[in-house]
Amino acid sequence: MPVYDVVTKIWSISSELIKKKDLAGLLKIHKDIPATLLIDQPRLKQILFNLLNNAIKFTNRGAIYLTIKWLECNEVSEKCFEPKPYESSEEGLFEKEESFSLLETSERHYNETYLILSHIQSSFPASKLEQMNKKGVLKIMLRDSGCGMNPDIFEKAFSKFPQVYAYGSKKEIGTGLGLFVTKQLANKMNGDVKVYTKENVGTTVIVCIPCESVFP
């Protein structure tokens, strides 16, 4: 599956909703991700849609960031989720690694991010492509500046119908099946999901899925 095409197509759909809410948005795909991965495409699409829809729903100001990375490891472990956001010991490291900045959601920015992985395979000699087939972990990070969750609600984040309050509002809005389904899908792919949140600051969801790079 060409990861670049799948991610950018889903982002292009979600970006319209991001702009309608007057939010900033940034898609960041790291260059070292193999052009083609052996992974369950329908489940990956559903995970991305769930994450983006949740973030858009609960973010009324600020920005939404989607980052895709490739980790060279054989399985999903706690180390795959480091550095962790919103933790005093690692927050600075997380911010530095991601280099997040508030950008306007414009076609110019989208075009810049969409071109990150263009023609990535052309830089590898054909004779060496077979040697580069290897296992790894696809790391998906979705970060928003939404309402976040208080500790009581956070404990129920992966239940079917938790309720949270929108930032600046006393109205409850349910997270629905978004995180619940996302975790179920990731688990079926031998992956895992972690949620990090800080009330009135935002939420970061990290999904790690083991897969294998595939070169022709």
N, C-alpha and C. Protein backbone atom coordinates (compact mmCIF):
# COMPACT_ATOMS: atom_id res chain seq x y z
N MET A 1 0.82 -1.19 0.00
CA MET A 1 0.00 0.00 0.00
C MET A 1 0.86 1.25 0.00
N PRO A 2 0.64 2.18 -0.93
CA PRO A 2 1.38 3.45 -0.93
C PRO A 2 0.86 4.37 0.18
N VAL A 3 1.55 4.40 1.29
CA VAL A 3 1.11 5.15 2.46
C VAL A 3 0.90 6.63 2.16
N TYR A 4 1.79 7.19 1.39
CA TYR A 4 1.73 8.62 1.08
C TYR A 4 0.39 8.98 0.44
N ASP A 5 -0.05 8.20 -0.54
CA ASP A 5 -1.30 8.48 -1.24
C ASP A 5 -2.50 8.38 -0.31
N VAL A 6 -2.52 7.33 0.51
CA VAL A 6 -3.64 7.12 1.41
C VAL A 6 -3.76 8.26 2.42
N VAL A 7 -2.65 8.62 3.05
CA VAL A 7 -2.67 9.65 4.08
C VAL A 7 -3.07 11.01 3.51
N THR A 8 -2.49 11.37 2.37
CA THR A 8 -2.78 12.70 1.81
C THR A 8 -4.21 12.82 1.30
N LYS A 9 -4.78 11.73 0.80
CA LYS A 9 -6.17 11.77 0.35
C LYS A 9 -7.12 11.99 1.52
N ILE A 10 -6.87 11.29 2.62
CA ILE A 10 -7.71 11.46 3.80
C ILE A 10 -7.53 12.85 4.39
N TRP A 11 -6.30 13.34 4.40
CA TRP A 11 -6.04 14.68 4.92
C TRP A 11 -6.74 15.74 4.06
N SER A 12 -6.75 15.57 2.76
CA SER A 12 -7.38 16.55 1.88
C SER A 12 -8.88 16.67 2.17
N ILE A 13 -9.51 15.55 2.52
CA ILE A 13 -10.93 15.57 2.88
C ILE A 13 -11.12 16.27 4.23
N SER A 14 -10.33 15.88 5.20
CA SER A 14 -10.45 16.45 6.55
C SER A 14 -10.06 17.92 6.59
N SER A 15 -9.14 18.32 5.73
CA SER A 15 -8.68 19.71 5.75
C SER A 15 -9.80 20.69 5.42
N GLU A 16 -10.78 20.24 4.64
CA GLU A 16 -11.92 21.11 4.33
C GLU A 16 -12.71 21.40 5.60
N LEU A 17 -12.88 20.39 6.44
CA LEU A 17 -13.59 20.57 7.71
C LEU A 17 -12.76 21.43 8.66
N ILE A 18 -11.45 21.26 8.62
CA ILE A 18 -10.56 22.08 9.46
C ILE A 18 -10.69 23.55 9.09
N LYS A 19 -10.70 23.84 7.80
CA LYS A 19 -10.81 25.23 7.36
C LYS A 19 -12.17 25.83 7.69
N LYS A 20 -13.22 25.01 7.63
CA LYS A 20 -14.56 25.51 7.94
C LYS A 20 -14.68 25.96 9.39
N LYS A 21 -13.86 25.38 10.26
CA LYS A 21 -13.87 25.77 11.67
C LYS A 21 -12.82 26.84 11.96
N ASP A 22 -12.20 27.38 10.91
CA ASP A 22 -11.17 28.42 11.06
C ASP A 22 -10.01 27.97 11.93
N LEU A 23 -9.62 26.72 11.75
CA LEU A 23 -8.47 26.18 12.49
C LEU A 23 -7.26 26.12 11.57
N ALA A 24 -6.08 26.08 12.18
CA ALA A 24 -4.86 25.83 11.42
C ALA A 24 -4.66 24.33 11.34
N GLY A 25 -3.97 23.86 10.30
CA GLY A 25 -3.74 22.43 10.17
C GLY A 25 -2.42 22.14 9.47
N LEU A 26 -1.77 21.07 9.88
CA LEU A 26 -0.50 20.71 9.26
C LEU A 26 -0.37 19.20 9.18
N LEU A 27 -0.05 18.72 7.99
CA LEU A 27 0.26 17.31 7.78
C LEU A 27 1.77 17.19 7.62
N LYS A 28 2.36 16.30 8.40
CA LYS A 28 3.82 16.12 8.38
C LYS A 28 4.13 14.65 8.17
N ILE A 29 4.70 14.31 7.00
CA ILE A 29 5.07 12.93 6.69
C ILE A 29 6.58 12.86 6.59
N HIS A 30 7.20 12.07 7.44
CA HIS A 30 8.66 12.01 7.45
C HIS A 30 9.20 11.28 6.22
N LYS A 31 10.33 11.74 5.73
CA LYS A 31 10.90 11.23 4.49
C LYS A 31 11.34 9.77 4.56
N ASP A 32 11.64 9.28 5.76
CA ASP A 32 12.20 7.93 5.86
C ASP A 32 11.14 6.83 5.84
N ILE A 33 9.87 7.18 5.68
CA ILE A 33 8.83 6.16 5.59
C ILE A 33 8.94 5.46 4.24
N PRO A 34 9.00 4.13 4.20
CA PRO A 34 9.05 3.41 2.92
C PRO A 34 7.86 3.80 2.05
N ALA A 35 8.08 3.86 0.75
CA ALA A 35 7.02 4.27 -0.17
C ALA A 35 5.83 3.33 -0.12
N THR A 36 6.08 2.03 0.10
CA THR A 36 5.01 1.04 0.11
C THR A 36 5.13 0.15 1.34
N LEU A 37 4.02 -0.03 2.04
CA LEU A 37 4.01 -0.87 3.23
C LEU A 37 2.97 -1.97 3.11
N LEU A 38 3.29 -3.12 3.70
CA LEU A 38 2.34 -4.22 3.77
C LEU A 38 1.52 -4.00 5.04
N ILE A 39 0.30 -3.47 4.88
CA ILE A 39 -0.53 -3.09 6.02
C ILE A 39 -1.99 -3.15 5.59
N ASP A 40 -2.89 -3.32 6.54
CA ASP A 40 -4.32 -3.40 6.26
C ASP A 40 -4.84 -2.01 5.90
N GLN A 41 -5.04 -1.76 4.61
CA GLN A 41 -5.41 -0.43 4.15
C GLN A 41 -6.78 0.04 4.66
N PRO A 42 -7.85 -0.77 4.59
CA PRO A 42 -9.16 -0.30 5.10
C PRO A 42 -9.12 0.08 6.58
N ARG A 43 -8.42 -0.72 7.37
CA ARG A 43 -8.34 -0.40 8.80
C ARG A 43 -7.52 0.86 9.05
N LEU A 44 -6.44 1.03 8.29
CA LEU A 44 -5.63 2.24 8.44
C LEU A 44 -6.44 3.48 8.09
N LYS A 45 -7.20 3.41 7.02
CA LYS A 45 -8.06 4.53 6.62
C LYS A 45 -9.05 4.88 7.71
N GLN A 46 -9.67 3.85 8.28
CA GLN A 46 -10.67 4.09 9.33
C GLN A 46 -10.04 4.72 10.55
N ILE A 47 -8.84 4.29 10.91
CA ILE A 47 -8.13 4.87 12.05
C ILE A 47 -7.87 6.35 11.81
N LEU A 48 -7.38 6.69 10.63
CA LEU A 48 -7.09 8.09 10.31
C LEU A 48 -8.35 8.94 10.33
N PHE A 49 -9.42 8.43 9.75
CA PHE A 49 -10.69 9.16 9.75
C PHE A 49 -11.19 9.38 11.18
N ASN A 50 -11.12 8.34 12.00
CA ASN A 50 -11.59 8.45 13.39
C ASN A 50 -10.80 9.51 14.16
N LEU A 51 -9.48 9.47 14.03
CA LEU A 51 -8.63 10.41 14.74
C LEU A 51 -8.91 11.85 14.33
N LEU A 52 -8.98 12.07 13.01
CA LEU A 52 -9.20 13.43 12.52
C LEU A 52 -10.60 13.95 12.87
N ASN A 53 -11.60 13.10 12.74
CA ASN A 53 -12.96 13.53 13.06
C ASN A 53 -13.08 13.90 14.53
N ASN A 54 -12.47 13.10 15.41
CA ASN A 54 -12.50 13.41 16.84
C ASN A 54 -11.82 14.74 17.13
N ALA A 55 -10.65 14.93 16.53
CA ALA A 55 -9.89 16.16 16.77
C ALA A 55 -10.66 17.39 16.29
N ILE A 56 -11.25 17.30 15.12
CA ILE A 56 -12.00 18.43 14.57
C ILE A 56 -13.22 18.73 15.45
N LYS A 57 -13.87 17.69 15.91
CA LYS A 57 -15.07 17.84 16.73
C LYS A 57 -14.78 18.60 18.02
N PHE A 58 -13.65 18.30 18.66
CA PHE A 58 -13.36 18.87 19.97
C PHE A 58 -12.41 20.05 19.95
N THR A 59 -12.06 20.53 18.78
CA THR A 59 -11.15 21.68 18.68
C THR A 59 -11.89 22.88 18.12
N ASN A 60 -12.02 23.92 18.91
CA ASN A 60 -12.72 25.12 18.48
C ASN A 60 -11.80 26.30 18.28
N ARG A 61 -10.53 26.11 18.59
CA ARG A 61 -9.55 27.18 18.39
C ARG A 61 -8.18 26.54 18.25
N GLY A 62 -7.27 27.23 17.59
CA GLY A 62 -5.91 26.71 17.49
C GLY A 62 -5.67 25.86 16.26
N ALA A 63 -5.15 24.63 16.47
CA ALA A 63 -4.67 23.85 15.33
C ALA A 63 -4.80 22.35 15.54
N ILE A 64 -4.68 21.64 14.41
CA ILE A 64 -4.67 20.18 14.38
C ILE A 64 -3.46 19.74 13.57
N TYR A 65 -2.68 18.82 14.12
CA TYR A 65 -1.47 18.36 13.47
C TYR A 65 -1.50 16.84 13.31
N LEU A 66 -1.22 16.37 12.11
CA LEU A 66 -1.12 14.93 11.86
C LEU A 66 0.31 14.63 11.42
N THR A 67 0.99 13.77 12.16
CA THR A 67 2.37 13.41 11.87
C THR A 67 2.48 11.90 11.65
N ILE A 68 3.16 11.51 10.58
CA ILE A 68 3.36 10.09 10.26
C ILE A 68 4.85 9.80 10.25
N LYS A 69 5.25 8.77 11.01
CA LYS A 69 6.66 8.40 11.13
C LYS A 69 6.85 6.91 10.89
N TRP A 70 8.12 6.54 10.68
CA TRP A 70 8.51 5.13 10.52
C TRP A 70 9.57 4.81 11.55
N LEU A 71 9.31 3.80 12.38
CA LEU A 71 10.27 3.38 13.40
C LEU A 71 10.87 2.04 13.00
N GLU A 72 12.17 1.95 13.05
CA GLU A 72 12.85 0.70 12.70
C GLU A 72 12.94 -0.20 13.93
N CYS A 73 11.89 -0.97 14.14
CA CYS A 73 11.85 -1.92 15.25
C CYS A 73 10.92 -3.07 14.86
N ASN A 74 11.05 -4.19 15.53
CA ASN A 74 10.31 -5.39 15.13
C ASN A 74 8.91 -5.49 15.72
N GLU A 75 8.63 -4.75 16.78
CA GLU A 75 7.33 -4.84 17.41
C GLU A 75 6.99 -3.54 18.13
N VAL A 76 5.71 -3.42 18.48
CA VAL A 76 5.25 -2.24 19.20
C VAL A 76 5.55 -2.40 20.69
N SER A 77 6.26 -1.44 21.25
CA SER A 77 6.59 -1.46 22.68
C SER A 77 6.37 -0.07 23.24
N GLU A 78 6.54 0.07 24.55
CA GLU A 78 6.37 1.36 25.20
C GLU A 78 7.31 2.42 24.62
N LYS A 79 8.48 1.98 24.19
CA LYS A 79 9.47 2.90 23.64
C LYS A 79 8.95 3.58 22.37
N CYS A 80 8.07 2.91 21.64
CA CYS A 80 7.52 3.49 20.40
C CYS A 80 6.71 4.76 20.67
N PHE A 81 6.22 4.90 21.90
CA PHE A 81 5.36 6.04 22.23
C PHE A 81 6.12 7.21 22.86
N GLU A 82 7.43 7.10 22.89
CA GLU A 82 8.25 8.18 23.45
C GLU A 82 8.75 9.11 22.36
N PRO A 83 9.00 10.41 22.70
CA PRO A 83 8.73 11.07 23.98
C PRO A 83 7.24 11.34 24.17
N LYS A 84 6.81 11.46 25.40
CA LYS A 84 5.39 11.62 25.70
C LYS A 84 5.04 13.10 25.92
N PRO A 85 3.97 13.55 25.30
CA PRO A 85 3.55 14.95 25.49
C PRO A 85 2.89 15.18 26.84
N TYR A 86 2.89 16.42 27.29
CA TYR A 86 2.22 16.86 28.51
C TYR A 86 2.85 16.31 29.79
N GLU A 87 4.00 15.65 29.69
CA GLU A 87 4.71 15.22 30.88
C GLU A 87 5.89 16.14 31.09
N SER A 88 6.02 16.67 32.28
CA SER A 88 7.04 17.67 32.55
C SER A 88 8.44 17.20 32.19
N SER A 89 8.70 15.90 32.34
CA SER A 89 10.04 15.38 32.08
C SER A 89 10.35 15.24 30.60
N GLU A 90 9.30 15.15 29.76
CA GLU A 90 9.52 14.89 28.34
C GLU A 90 8.85 15.89 27.41
N GLU A 91 8.05 16.81 27.97
CA GLU A 91 7.29 17.71 27.11
C GLU A 91 8.19 18.55 26.22
N GLY A 92 9.29 19.06 26.77
CA GLY A 92 10.20 19.86 25.96
C GLY A 92 10.79 19.06 24.82
N LEU A 93 11.14 17.81 25.09
CA LEU A 93 11.71 16.94 24.07
C LEU A 93 10.69 16.65 22.98
N PHE A 94 9.45 16.42 23.37
CA PHE A 94 8.39 16.15 22.41
C PHE A 94 8.19 17.36 21.50
N GLU A 95 8.12 18.55 22.08
CA GLU A 95 7.93 19.77 21.30
C GLU A 95 9.09 19.99 20.34
N LYS A 96 10.30 19.77 20.81
CA LYS A 96 11.48 19.98 19.95
C LYS A 96 11.49 19.01 18.79
N GLU A 97 11.12 17.76 19.07
CA GLU A 97 11.15 16.72 18.04
C GLU A 97 10.12 17.00 16.96
N GLU A 98 8.95 17.46 17.37
CA GLU A 98 7.88 17.70 16.40
C GLU A 98 7.99 19.05 15.71
N SER A 99 8.64 20.01 16.35
CA SER A 99 8.81 21.35 15.77
C SER A 99 7.48 21.91 15.28
N PHE A 100 6.47 21.84 16.13
CA PHE A 100 5.15 22.33 15.76
C PHE A 100 5.13 23.85 15.71
N SER A 101 4.43 24.39 14.74
CA SER A 101 4.20 25.82 14.67
C SER A 101 2.82 26.04 14.10
N LEU A 102 2.16 27.10 14.52
CA LEU A 102 0.81 27.38 14.02
C LEU A 102 0.88 27.92 12.60
N LEU A 103 0.32 27.17 11.67
CA LEU A 103 0.30 27.57 10.28
C LEU A 103 -1.13 27.75 9.83
N GLU A 104 -1.35 28.68 8.92
CA GLU A 104 -2.68 28.86 8.36
C GLU A 104 -3.00 27.70 7.45
N THR A 105 -4.25 27.26 7.43
CA THR A 105 -4.65 26.16 6.55
C THR A 105 -4.87 26.72 5.14
N SER A 106 -3.85 26.68 4.34
CA SER A 106 -3.94 27.21 2.99
C SER A 106 -3.41 26.19 2.00
N GLU A 107 -3.74 26.35 0.72
CA GLU A 107 -3.27 25.42 -0.29
C GLU A 107 -1.75 25.42 -0.37
N ARG A 108 -1.14 26.54 -0.10
CA ARG A 108 0.32 26.61 -0.17
C ARG A 108 0.94 25.65 0.84
N HIS A 109 0.44 25.65 2.06
CA HIS A 109 0.99 24.75 3.07
C HIS A 109 0.68 23.30 2.75
N TYR A 110 -0.51 23.02 2.26
CA TYR A 110 -0.84 21.65 1.91
C TYR A 110 0.08 21.14 0.81
N ASN A 111 0.33 21.96 -0.20
CA ASN A 111 1.19 21.53 -1.30
C ASN A 111 2.59 21.21 -0.79
N GLU A 112 3.08 22.00 0.14
CA GLU A 112 4.41 21.75 0.68
C GLU A 112 4.47 20.40 1.39
N THR A 113 3.46 20.10 2.21
CA THR A 113 3.51 18.84 2.95
C THR A 113 3.26 17.65 2.03
N TYR A 114 2.41 17.82 1.04
CA TYR A 114 2.10 16.70 0.17
C TYR A 114 3.29 16.23 -0.65
N LEU A 115 4.27 17.07 -0.84
CA LEU A 115 5.39 16.72 -1.71
C LEU A 115 6.55 16.06 -0.96
N ILE A 116 6.43 15.88 0.32
CA ILE A 116 7.55 15.37 1.11
C ILE A 116 8.06 14.02 0.62
N LEU A 117 7.14 13.12 0.25
CA LEU A 117 7.56 11.78 -0.12
C LEU A 117 7.59 11.53 -1.63
N SER A 118 7.47 12.57 -2.44
CA SER A 118 7.42 12.38 -3.88
C SER A 118 8.67 11.68 -4.41
N HIS A 119 8.47 10.65 -5.22
CA HIS A 119 9.56 9.95 -5.91
C HIS A 119 10.62 9.42 -4.94
N ILE A 120 10.20 8.98 -3.77
CA ILE A 120 11.19 8.53 -2.79
C ILE A 120 11.94 7.30 -3.28
N GLN A 121 11.28 6.41 -4.06
CA GLN A 121 11.95 5.19 -4.48
C GLN A 121 13.03 5.43 -5.53
N SER A 122 12.92 6.53 -6.26
CA SER A 122 13.87 6.78 -7.34
C SER A 122 15.29 6.99 -6.83
N SER A 123 15.45 7.26 -5.54
CA SER A 123 16.78 7.51 -4.99
C SER A 123 17.51 6.23 -4.63
N PHE A 124 16.83 5.06 -4.74
CA PHE A 124 17.46 3.81 -4.40
C PHE A 124 17.78 3.00 -5.66
N PRO A 125 19.03 2.50 -5.81
CA PRO A 125 19.37 1.65 -6.95
C PRO A 125 18.51 0.40 -6.94
N ALA A 126 18.06 -0.03 -8.11
CA ALA A 126 17.17 -1.19 -8.21
C ALA A 126 17.79 -2.43 -7.59
N SER A 127 19.10 -2.60 -7.71
CA SER A 127 19.77 -3.79 -7.19
C SER A 127 19.71 -3.90 -5.67
N LYS A 128 19.43 -2.78 -5.00
CA LYS A 128 19.43 -2.78 -3.54
C LYS A 128 18.03 -2.79 -2.95
N LEU A 129 17.00 -2.68 -3.79
CA LEU A 129 15.65 -2.57 -3.27
C LEU A 129 15.24 -3.80 -2.47
N GLU A 130 15.58 -5.00 -2.96
CA GLU A 130 15.18 -6.22 -2.28
C GLU A 130 15.78 -6.31 -0.88
N GLN A 131 16.97 -5.74 -0.72
CA GLN A 131 17.65 -5.81 0.57
C GLN A 131 16.98 -4.89 1.60
N MET A 132 16.13 -4.00 1.13
CA MET A 132 15.56 -3.00 2.03
C MET A 132 14.20 -3.42 2.57
N ASN A 133 13.68 -4.59 2.18
CA ASN A 133 12.45 -5.09 2.77
C ASN A 133 12.70 -5.40 4.24
N LYS A 134 11.97 -4.74 5.13
CA LYS A 134 12.21 -4.95 6.55
C LYS A 134 10.98 -4.58 7.37
N LYS A 135 10.95 -5.11 8.58
CA LYS A 135 9.84 -4.83 9.47
C LYS A 135 10.06 -3.53 10.21
N GLY A 136 8.96 -2.90 10.59
CA GLY A 136 9.04 -1.66 11.32
C GLY A 136 7.70 -1.32 11.92
N VAL A 137 7.57 -0.11 12.43
CA VAL A 137 6.33 0.34 13.04
C VAL A 137 5.93 1.67 12.42
N LEU A 138 4.69 1.74 11.95
CA LEU A 138 4.14 3.00 11.46
C LEU A 138 3.57 3.74 12.65
N LYS A 139 4.09 4.94 12.91
CA LYS A 139 3.67 5.73 14.06
C LYS A 139 2.84 6.92 13.59
N ILE A 140 1.61 6.97 14.05
CA ILE A 140 0.67 8.04 13.68
C ILE A 140 0.41 8.90 14.91
N MET A 141 0.62 10.19 14.79
CA MET A 141 0.37 11.10 15.90
C MET A 141 -0.62 12.17 15.48
N LEU A 142 -1.71 12.29 16.20
CA LEU A 142 -2.70 13.32 15.92
C LEU A 142 -2.80 14.21 17.15
N ARG A 143 -2.43 15.46 16.97
CA ARG A 143 -2.41 16.40 18.09
C ARG A 143 -3.34 17.56 17.82
N ASP A 144 -4.12 17.94 18.84
CA ASP A 144 -5.01 19.09 18.68
C ASP A 144 -4.88 20.03 19.86
N SER A 145 -5.41 21.22 19.71
CA SER A 145 -5.41 22.19 20.80
C SER A 145 -6.84 22.36 21.31
N GLY A 146 -7.56 21.23 21.39
CA GLY A 146 -8.95 21.26 21.82
C GLY A 146 -9.11 21.32 23.32
N CYS A 147 -10.28 20.86 23.78
CA CYS A 147 -10.63 21.02 25.19
C CYS A 147 -9.88 20.09 26.12
N GLY A 148 -9.31 19.02 25.58
CA GLY A 148 -8.63 18.06 26.44
C GLY A 148 -9.64 17.32 27.31
N MET A 149 -9.14 16.52 28.23
CA MET A 149 -10.03 15.74 29.10
C MET A 149 -9.55 15.82 30.53
N ASN A 150 -10.49 15.91 31.46
CA ASN A 150 -10.10 15.89 32.87
C ASN A 150 -9.78 14.46 33.28
N PRO A 151 -9.10 14.24 34.41
CA PRO A 151 -8.66 12.89 34.80
C PRO A 151 -9.78 11.87 34.87
N ASP A 152 -10.96 12.27 35.34
CA ASP A 152 -12.07 11.32 35.46
C ASP A 152 -12.52 10.82 34.11
N ILE A 153 -12.62 11.72 33.13
CA ILE A 153 -13.05 11.34 31.79
C ILE A 153 -11.94 10.57 31.08
N PHE A 154 -10.69 10.95 31.33
CA PHE A 154 -9.57 10.31 30.65
C PHE A 154 -9.53 8.82 30.91
N GLU A 155 -9.90 8.41 32.13
CA GLU A 155 -9.89 6.99 32.47
C GLU A 155 -10.90 6.21 31.64
N LYS A 156 -11.90 6.90 31.09
CA LYS A 156 -12.95 6.24 30.31
C LYS A 156 -12.79 6.52 28.81
N ALA A 157 -11.63 6.99 28.42
CA ALA A 157 -11.42 7.43 27.03
C ALA A 157 -11.71 6.34 26.02
N PHE A 158 -11.43 5.09 26.35
CA PHE A 158 -11.60 4.01 25.40
C PHE A 158 -12.91 3.24 25.59
N SER A 159 -13.80 3.78 26.41
CA SER A 159 -15.13 3.17 26.51
C SER A 159 -15.96 3.66 25.34
N LYS A 160 -17.12 3.09 25.15
CA LYS A 160 -17.89 3.39 23.93
C LYS A 160 -18.44 4.81 23.88
N PHE A 161 -18.95 5.32 25.03
CA PHE A 161 -19.62 6.62 24.97
C PHE A 161 -19.24 7.54 26.12
N PRO A 162 -17.94 7.89 26.25
CA PRO A 162 -17.56 8.85 27.29
C PRO A 162 -18.07 10.24 26.93
N GLN A 163 -18.23 11.10 27.92
CA GLN A 163 -18.70 12.47 27.68
C GLN A 163 -17.64 13.45 28.18
N VAL A 164 -17.41 14.50 27.42
CA VAL A 164 -16.50 15.56 27.85
C VAL A 164 -17.16 16.89 27.60
N TYR A 165 -16.64 17.93 28.24
CA TYR A 165 -17.15 19.27 28.02
C TYR A 165 -16.28 19.98 26.99
N ALA A 166 -16.91 20.63 26.05
CA ALA A 166 -16.16 21.43 25.08
C ALA A 166 -15.55 22.61 25.79
N TYR A 167 -14.39 23.05 25.30
CA TYR A 167 -13.69 24.17 25.93
C TYR A 167 -14.59 25.41 25.95
N GLY A 168 -14.69 26.03 27.11
CA GLY A 168 -15.47 27.25 27.23
C GLY A 168 -16.97 27.03 27.18
N SER A 169 -17.41 25.80 27.36
CA SER A 169 -18.84 25.50 27.27
C SER A 169 -19.22 24.51 28.35
N LYS A 170 -20.47 24.59 28.81
CA LYS A 170 -20.98 23.63 29.79
C LYS A 170 -21.76 22.52 29.11
N LYS A 171 -21.75 22.54 27.79
CA LYS A 171 -22.49 21.54 27.03
C LYS A 171 -21.64 20.28 26.85
N GLU A 172 -22.22 19.13 27.19
CA GLU A 172 -21.51 17.87 27.02
C GLU A 172 -21.59 17.41 25.56
N ILE A 173 -20.47 16.89 25.07
CA ILE A 173 -20.47 16.31 23.73
C ILE A 173 -19.76 14.97 23.81
N GLY A 174 -20.38 13.92 23.36
CA GLY A 174 -19.81 12.58 23.49
C GLY A 174 -18.73 12.32 22.46
N THR A 175 -17.69 11.59 22.84
CA THR A 175 -16.64 11.22 21.90
C THR A 175 -17.10 10.08 21.01
N GLY A 176 -18.30 9.50 21.33
CA GLY A 176 -18.85 8.45 20.49
C GLY A 176 -17.95 7.24 20.46
N LEU A 177 -17.87 6.59 19.29
CA LEU A 177 -17.11 5.35 19.16
C LEU A 177 -15.69 5.58 18.65
N GLY A 178 -15.31 6.85 18.40
CA GLY A 178 -14.04 7.15 17.77
C GLY A 178 -12.83 6.45 18.35
N LEU A 179 -12.49 6.74 19.61
CA LEU A 179 -11.30 6.14 20.23
C LEU A 179 -11.50 4.66 20.50
N PHE A 180 -12.71 4.29 20.86
CA PHE A 180 -13.00 2.88 21.13
C PHE A 180 -12.73 2.04 19.88
N VAL A 181 -13.26 2.46 18.74
CA VAL A 181 -13.07 1.72 17.49
C VAL A 181 -11.62 1.76 17.04
N THR A 182 -10.98 2.91 17.22
CA THR A 182 -9.57 3.05 16.83
C THR A 182 -8.70 2.04 17.56
N LYS A 183 -8.92 1.90 18.85
CA LYS A 183 -8.12 0.94 19.63
C LYS A 183 -8.42 -0.49 19.18
N GLN A 184 -9.69 -0.78 18.92
CA GLN A 184 -10.05 -2.11 18.46
C GLN A 184 -9.35 -2.45 17.14
N LEU A 185 -9.35 -1.49 16.21
CA LEU A 185 -8.72 -1.71 14.91
C LEU A 185 -7.21 -1.89 15.06
N ALA A 186 -6.59 -1.02 15.87
CA ALA A 186 -5.14 -1.11 16.07
C ALA A 186 -4.75 -2.45 16.69
N ASN A 187 -5.52 -2.89 17.67
CA ASN A 187 -5.24 -4.17 18.33
C ASN A 187 -5.34 -5.33 17.36
N LYS A 188 -6.30 -5.27 16.44
CA LYS A 188 -6.45 -6.33 15.45
C LYS A 188 -5.28 -6.36 14.47
N MET A 189 -4.55 -5.24 14.39
CA MET A 189 -3.38 -5.17 13.53
C MET A 189 -2.10 -5.37 14.34
N ASN A 190 -2.27 -5.89 15.59
CA ASN A 190 -1.14 -6.12 16.51
C ASN A 190 -0.47 -4.82 16.94
N GLY A 191 -1.23 -3.73 16.86
CA GLY A 191 -0.71 -2.44 17.29
C GLY A 191 -1.36 -1.98 18.58
N ASP A 192 -1.13 -0.71 18.93
CA ASP A 192 -1.69 -0.18 20.16
C ASP A 192 -1.92 1.32 20.02
N VAL A 193 -2.72 1.86 20.94
CA VAL A 193 -3.06 3.28 20.93
C VAL A 193 -2.85 3.85 22.33
N LYS A 194 -2.26 5.03 22.40
CA LYS A 194 -2.09 5.73 23.67
C LYS A 194 -2.67 7.14 23.51
N VAL A 195 -3.34 7.60 24.56
CA VAL A 195 -3.91 8.95 24.54
C VAL A 195 -3.26 9.77 25.65
N TYR A 196 -2.81 10.96 25.29
CA TYR A 196 -2.21 11.89 26.24
C TYR A 196 -3.00 13.18 26.17
N THR A 197 -3.39 13.71 27.31
CA THR A 197 -4.27 14.87 27.29
C THR A 197 -4.00 15.81 28.46
N LYS A 198 -4.32 17.05 28.24
CA LYS A 198 -4.19 18.05 29.29
C LYS A 198 -5.39 18.98 29.13
N GLU A 199 -6.19 19.06 30.17
CA GLU A 199 -7.43 19.81 30.10
C GLU A 199 -7.19 21.26 29.72
N ASN A 200 -7.97 21.76 28.78
CA ASN A 200 -7.89 23.13 28.26
C ASN A 200 -6.60 23.40 27.48
N VAL A 201 -5.82 22.37 27.21
CA VAL A 201 -4.59 22.51 26.41
C VAL A 201 -4.70 21.70 25.12
N GLY A 202 -5.15 20.46 25.25
CA GLY A 202 -5.30 19.65 24.04
C GLY A 202 -5.11 18.17 24.30
N THR A 203 -5.16 17.41 23.23
CA THR A 203 -5.03 15.96 23.29
C THR A 203 -4.11 15.48 22.17
N THR A 204 -3.29 14.52 22.48
CA THR A 204 -2.45 13.86 21.48
C THR A 204 -2.73 12.37 21.51
N VAL A 205 -3.10 11.81 20.37
CA VAL A 205 -3.35 10.38 20.25
C VAL A 205 -2.22 9.79 19.41
N ILE A 206 -1.57 8.75 19.92
CA ILE A 206 -0.48 8.10 19.19
C ILE A 206 -0.88 6.65 18.90
N VAL A 207 -0.83 6.29 17.63
CA VAL A 207 -1.15 4.94 17.19
C VAL A 207 0.11 4.32 16.59
N CYS A 208 0.49 3.15 17.06
CA CYS A 208 1.65 2.45 16.53
C CYS A 208 1.22 1.10 15.96
N ILE A 209 1.54 0.86 14.69
CA ILE A 209 1.11 -0.35 14.01
C ILE A 209 2.32 -1.04 13.37
N PRO A 210 2.57 -2.31 13.70
CA PRO A 210 3.69 -3.02 13.08
C PRO A 210 3.36 -3.37 11.64
N CYS A 211 4.34 -3.26 10.75
CA CYS A 211 4.11 -3.58 9.35
C CYS A 211 5.47 -3.86 8.69
N GLU A 212 5.43 -4.12 7.41
CA GLU A 212 6.65 -4.44 6.69
C GLU A 212 6.77 -3.60 5.45
N SER A 213 7.95 -3.08 5.20
CA SER A 213 8.19 -2.31 3.98
C SER A 213 8.24 -3.27 2.81
N VAL A 214 7.73 -2.84 1.66
CA VAL A 214 7.69 -3.68 0.47
C VAL A 214 8.25 -2.87 -0.70
N PHE A 215 9.30 -3.40 -1.32
CA PHE A 215 9.87 -2.76 -2.49
C PHE A 215 9.75 -3.71 -3.67
N PRO A 216 9.44 -3.19 -4.85
CA PRO A 216 9.29 -4.06 -6.03
C PRO A 216 10.61 -4.68 -6.46
